[in-house]
Structure formats: structure tokens, C-alpha cells
Amino acid sequence: MTVLPSAQTPEELEALLGEQLRALRLARNIDQITLARRAGIGLTALKRLEAGKGSSLKTLISVVKALERESWLSTVAPMPTVNPLSYTQAAEPRQRARMNKPASGRAGP
């Protein structure tokens, strides 16, 4: 699997994702018509997805599910194993800084 560098444009990433989906389909020896039927999408939608020519999120998810690779979706936005807020909640509350009182040489009213 190819690592997606962050310096690529969204269009380049879309094309790369399409290439990877196409490669997976071919590795499983599935033709586009069969995959489109399994995914419940139109053949044109699948062709556009594989070509990186724009696609809906629903189409992408349908194809990923039809290829039995739902596990990929959990890597898109994984849940953090450590909640950074737990550190702040366990920490002692910050005390307000005190201003030093002026020396006793202050003149009264």
C-alpha cells in the first residue's frame, strides 16, 4: 500500500486512491460491472472513482464495503487511545496569581 504524503493536492490524492481501489479490484479478479452491482452503484460512478475524477463519499464507502475492506474506514479518523483532556482534568486547578502589596510606605488618603 502506498503512503499518502501530505504535500499532495486533493486531486492527486483522489487519483491515488482510485488507483489503489482499481488495483485491489483487479487483484481480486473482479470486473467493474460486477463490483458496481455488488456496491449498488452505477458503472459510471465506479469508473469515475477509479479514475480519480470526483466521486461521492457514499460511492467510496459502497465500493470499500463491496471489496470487504471496511477496516480501511477506521483508519480515516481513529479514536485516540489517550484523551489529552484527562491530563488537564486530573491536574490541580491553576491558582490565580497574587499581586504583591505595596510596601508600608504608602501614603493614606
C-alpha atoms as a PDB file:
ATOM      1  CA  MET A   1       0.000   0.000   0.000  1.00  0.00           C
ATOM      2  CA  THR A   2       1.276   3.444  -0.892  1.00  0.00           C
ATOM      3  CA  VAL A   3       1.775   6.022   1.840  1.00  0.00           C
ATOM      4  CA  LEU A   4      -0.085   9.248   1.119  1.00  0.00           C
ATOM      5  CA  PRO A   5       2.285  12.208   1.510  1.00  0.00           C
ATOM      6  CA  SER A   6       0.618  15.287   2.937  1.00  0.00           C
ATOM      7  CA  ALA A   7       2.179  17.565   0.314  1.00  0.00           C
ATOM      8  CA  GLN A   8      -0.048  16.178  -2.441  1.00  0.00           C
ATOM      9  CA  THR A   9      -3.077  18.073  -3.688  1.00  0.00           C
ATOM     10  CA  PRO A  10      -6.582  16.718  -3.056  1.00  0.00           C
ATOM     11  CA  GLU A  11      -6.815  15.874  -6.760  1.00  0.00           C
ATOM     12  CA  GLU A  12      -3.584  13.853  -6.618  1.00  0.00           C
ATOM     13  CA  LEU A  13      -4.766  12.013  -3.520  1.00  0.00           C
ATOM     14  CA  GLU A  14      -8.106  11.271  -5.171  1.00  0.00           C
ATOM     15  CA  ALA A  15      -6.314   9.809  -8.206  1.00  0.00           C
ATOM     16  CA  LEU A  16      -4.030   7.725  -5.993  1.00  0.00           C
ATOM     17  CA  LEU A  17      -6.980   6.374  -4.016  1.00  0.00           C
ATOM     18  CA  GLY A  18      -8.747   5.478  -7.265  1.00  0.00           C
ATOM     19  CA  GLU A  19      -5.649   3.642  -8.479  1.00  0.00           C
ATOM     20  CA  GLN A  20      -5.449   1.688  -5.231  1.00  0.00           C
ATOM     21  CA  LEU A  21      -9.117   0.686  -5.405  1.00  0.00           C
ATOM     22  CA  ARG A  22      -8.678  -0.377  -9.027  1.00  0.00           C
ATOM     23  CA  ALA A  23      -5.581  -2.427  -8.130  1.00  0.00           C
ATOM     24  CA  LEU A  24      -7.470  -4.158  -5.322  1.00  0.00           C
ATOM     25  CA  ARG A  25     -10.388  -4.931  -7.644  1.00  0.00           C
ATOM     26  CA  LEU A  26      -8.038  -6.397 -10.243  1.00  0.00           C
ATOM     27  CA  ALA A  27      -6.114  -8.376  -7.621  1.00  0.00           C
ATOM     28  CA  ARG A  28      -9.406  -9.977  -6.646  1.00  0.00           C
ATOM     29  CA  ASN A  29     -10.209 -10.635 -10.307  1.00  0.00           C
ATOM     30  CA  ILE A  30     -13.460  -8.664 -10.211  1.00  0.00           C
ATOM     31  CA  ASP A  31     -14.621  -6.763 -13.274  1.00  0.00           C
ATOM     32  CA  GLN A  32     -16.089  -3.267 -12.979  1.00  0.00           C
ATOM     33  CA  ILE A  33     -19.642  -4.365 -13.789  1.00  0.00           C
ATOM     34  CA  THR A  34     -19.629  -6.995 -11.041  1.00  0.00           C
ATOM     35  CA  LEU A  35     -18.165  -4.601  -8.455  1.00  0.00           C
ATOM     36  CA  ALA A  36     -20.631  -1.876  -9.368  1.00  0.00           C
ATOM     37  CA  ARG A  37     -23.515  -4.313  -8.882  1.00  0.00           C
ATOM     38  CA  ARG A  38     -22.147  -5.553  -5.535  1.00  0.00           C
ATOM     39  CA  ALA A  39     -21.705  -1.971  -4.369  1.00  0.00           C
ATOM     40  CA  GLY A  40     -25.150  -0.945  -5.572  1.00  0.00           C
ATOM     41  CA  ILE A  41     -23.778   1.897  -7.687  1.00  0.00           C
ATOM     42  CA  GLY A  42     -23.697   2.716 -11.379  1.00  0.00           C
ATOM     43  CA  LEU A  43     -20.848   1.615 -13.598  1.00  0.00           C
ATOM     44  CA  THR A  44     -20.063   5.243 -14.468  1.00  0.00           C
ATOM     45  CA  ALA A  45     -19.753   6.117 -10.764  1.00  0.00           C
ATOM     46  CA  LEU A  46     -17.240   3.295 -10.278  1.00  0.00           C
ATOM     47  CA  LYS A  47     -15.255   4.331 -13.342  1.00  0.00           C
ATOM     48  CA  ARG A  48     -15.088   7.932 -12.095  1.00  0.00           C
ATOM     49  CA  LEU A  49     -13.976   6.770  -8.645  1.00  0.00           C
ATOM     50  CA  GLU A  50     -11.210   4.587 -10.053  1.00  0.00           C
ATOM     51  CA  ALA A  51     -10.097   7.356 -12.421  1.00  0.00           C
ATOM     52  CA  GLY A  52      -9.947   9.913  -9.597  1.00  0.00           C
ATOM     53  CA  LYS A  53     -12.432  12.115 -11.411  1.00  0.00           C
ATOM     54  CA  GLY A  54     -14.653  13.013  -8.492  1.00  0.00           C
ATOM     55  CA  SER A  55     -16.937  10.799  -6.504  1.00  0.00           C
ATOM     56  CA  SER A  56     -19.253  10.955  -3.554  1.00  0.00           C
ATOM     57  CA  LEU A  57     -18.378   9.688  -0.113  1.00  0.00           C
ATOM     58  CA  LYS A  58     -21.308   7.282  -0.379  1.00  0.00           C
ATOM     59  CA  THR A  59     -19.857   5.782  -3.567  1.00  0.00           C
ATOM     60  CA  LEU A  60     -16.456   5.365  -1.933  1.00  0.00           C
ATOM     61  CA  ILE A  61     -17.944   3.665   1.125  1.00  0.00           C
ATOM     62  CA  SER A  62     -20.120   1.396  -1.014  1.00  0.00           C
ATOM     63  CA  VAL A  63     -17.113   0.245  -3.053  1.00  0.00           C
ATOM     64  CA  VAL A  64     -14.936  -0.249   0.024  1.00  0.00           C
ATOM     65  CA  LYS A  65     -17.673  -2.379   1.608  1.00  0.00           C
ATOM     66  CA  ALA A  66     -18.174  -4.382  -1.595  1.00  0.00           C
ATOM     67  CA  LEU A  67     -14.428  -5.092  -1.607  1.00  0.00           C
ATOM     68  CA  GLU A  68     -14.739  -6.183   2.057  1.00  0.00           C
ATOM     69  CA  ARG A  69     -12.229  -3.597   3.250  1.00  0.00           C
ATOM     70  CA  GLU A  70     -14.367  -1.751   5.826  1.00  0.00           C
ATOM     71  CA  SER A  71     -11.361  -1.817   8.151  1.00  0.00           C
ATOM     72  CA  TRP A  72      -9.850   0.924   5.978  1.00  0.00           C
ATOM     73  CA  LEU A  73     -12.560   3.287   7.161  1.00  0.00           C
ATOM     74  CA  SER A  74     -11.467   3.003  10.790  1.00  0.00           C
ATOM     75  CA  THR A  75      -8.067   4.396   9.831  1.00  0.00           C
ATOM     76  CA  VAL A  76      -9.540   7.603   8.415  1.00  0.00           C
ATOM     77  CA  ALA A  77     -10.251   9.122  11.812  1.00  0.00           C
ATOM     78  CA  PRO A  78      -9.082   6.725  14.524  1.00  0.00           C
ATOM     79  CA  MET A  79     -10.198   7.282  18.066  1.00  0.00           C
ATOM     80  CA  PRO A  80      -7.360   8.485  20.280  1.00  0.00           C
ATOM     81  CA  THR A  81      -6.183   5.942  22.810  1.00  0.00           C
ATOM     82  CA  VAL A  82      -5.291   8.676  25.297  1.00  0.00           C
ATOM     83  CA  ASN A  83      -7.590  11.599  25.846  1.00  0.00           C
ATOM     84  CA  PRO A  84      -5.433  14.710  26.319  1.00  0.00           C
ATOM     85  CA  LEU A  85      -8.222  16.315  28.326  1.00  0.00           C
ATOM     86  CA  SER A  86      -7.833  13.663  31.013  1.00  0.00           C
ATOM     87  CA  TYR A  87      -4.472  15.168  31.883  1.00  0.00           C
ATOM     88  CA  THR A  88      -5.949  18.603  32.450  1.00  0.00           C
ATOM     89  CA  GLN A  89      -8.880  17.292  34.467  1.00  0.00           C
ATOM     90  CA  ALA A  90      -6.583  15.366  36.829  1.00  0.00           C
ATOM     91  CA  ALA A  91      -4.217  18.269  37.267  1.00  0.00           C
ATOM     92  CA  GLU A  92      -4.628  20.700  40.141  1.00  0.00           C
ATOM     93  CA  PRO A  93      -6.598  23.774  39.205  1.00  0.00           C
ATOM     94  CA  ARG A  94      -4.434  26.762  38.456  1.00  0.00           C
ATOM     95  CA  GLN A  95      -4.251  29.302  41.251  1.00  0.00           C
ATOM     96  CA  ARG A  96      -4.754  32.922  40.449  1.00  0.00           C
ATOM     97  CA  ALA A  97      -1.549  34.894  40.703  1.00  0.00           C
ATOM     98  CA  ARG A  98      -1.472  37.456  43.538  1.00  0.00           C
ATOM     99  CA  MET A  99      -0.246  40.943  43.158  1.00  0.00           C
ATOM    100  CA  ASN A 100       2.350  41.924  45.724  1.00  0.00           C
ATOM    101  CA  LYS A 101       1.050  44.540  48.106  1.00  0.00           C
ATOM    102  CA  PRO A 102       2.999  47.761  48.060  1.00  0.00           C
ATOM    103  CA  ALA A 103       5.427  48.436  50.900  1.00  0.00           C
ATOM    104  CA  SER A 104       4.088  50.059  54.066  1.00  0.00           C
ATOM    105  CA  GLY A 105       5.482  53.438  52.982  1.00  0.00           C
ATOM    106  CA  ARG A 106       2.316  54.141  51.065  1.00  0.00           C
ATOM    107  CA  ALA A 107       0.563  57.380  51.912  1.00  0.00           C
ATOM    108  CA  GLY A 108      -3.026  57.188  53.052  1.00  0.00           C
ATOM    109  CA  PRO A 109      -5.924  59.340  51.823  1.00  0.00           C
END
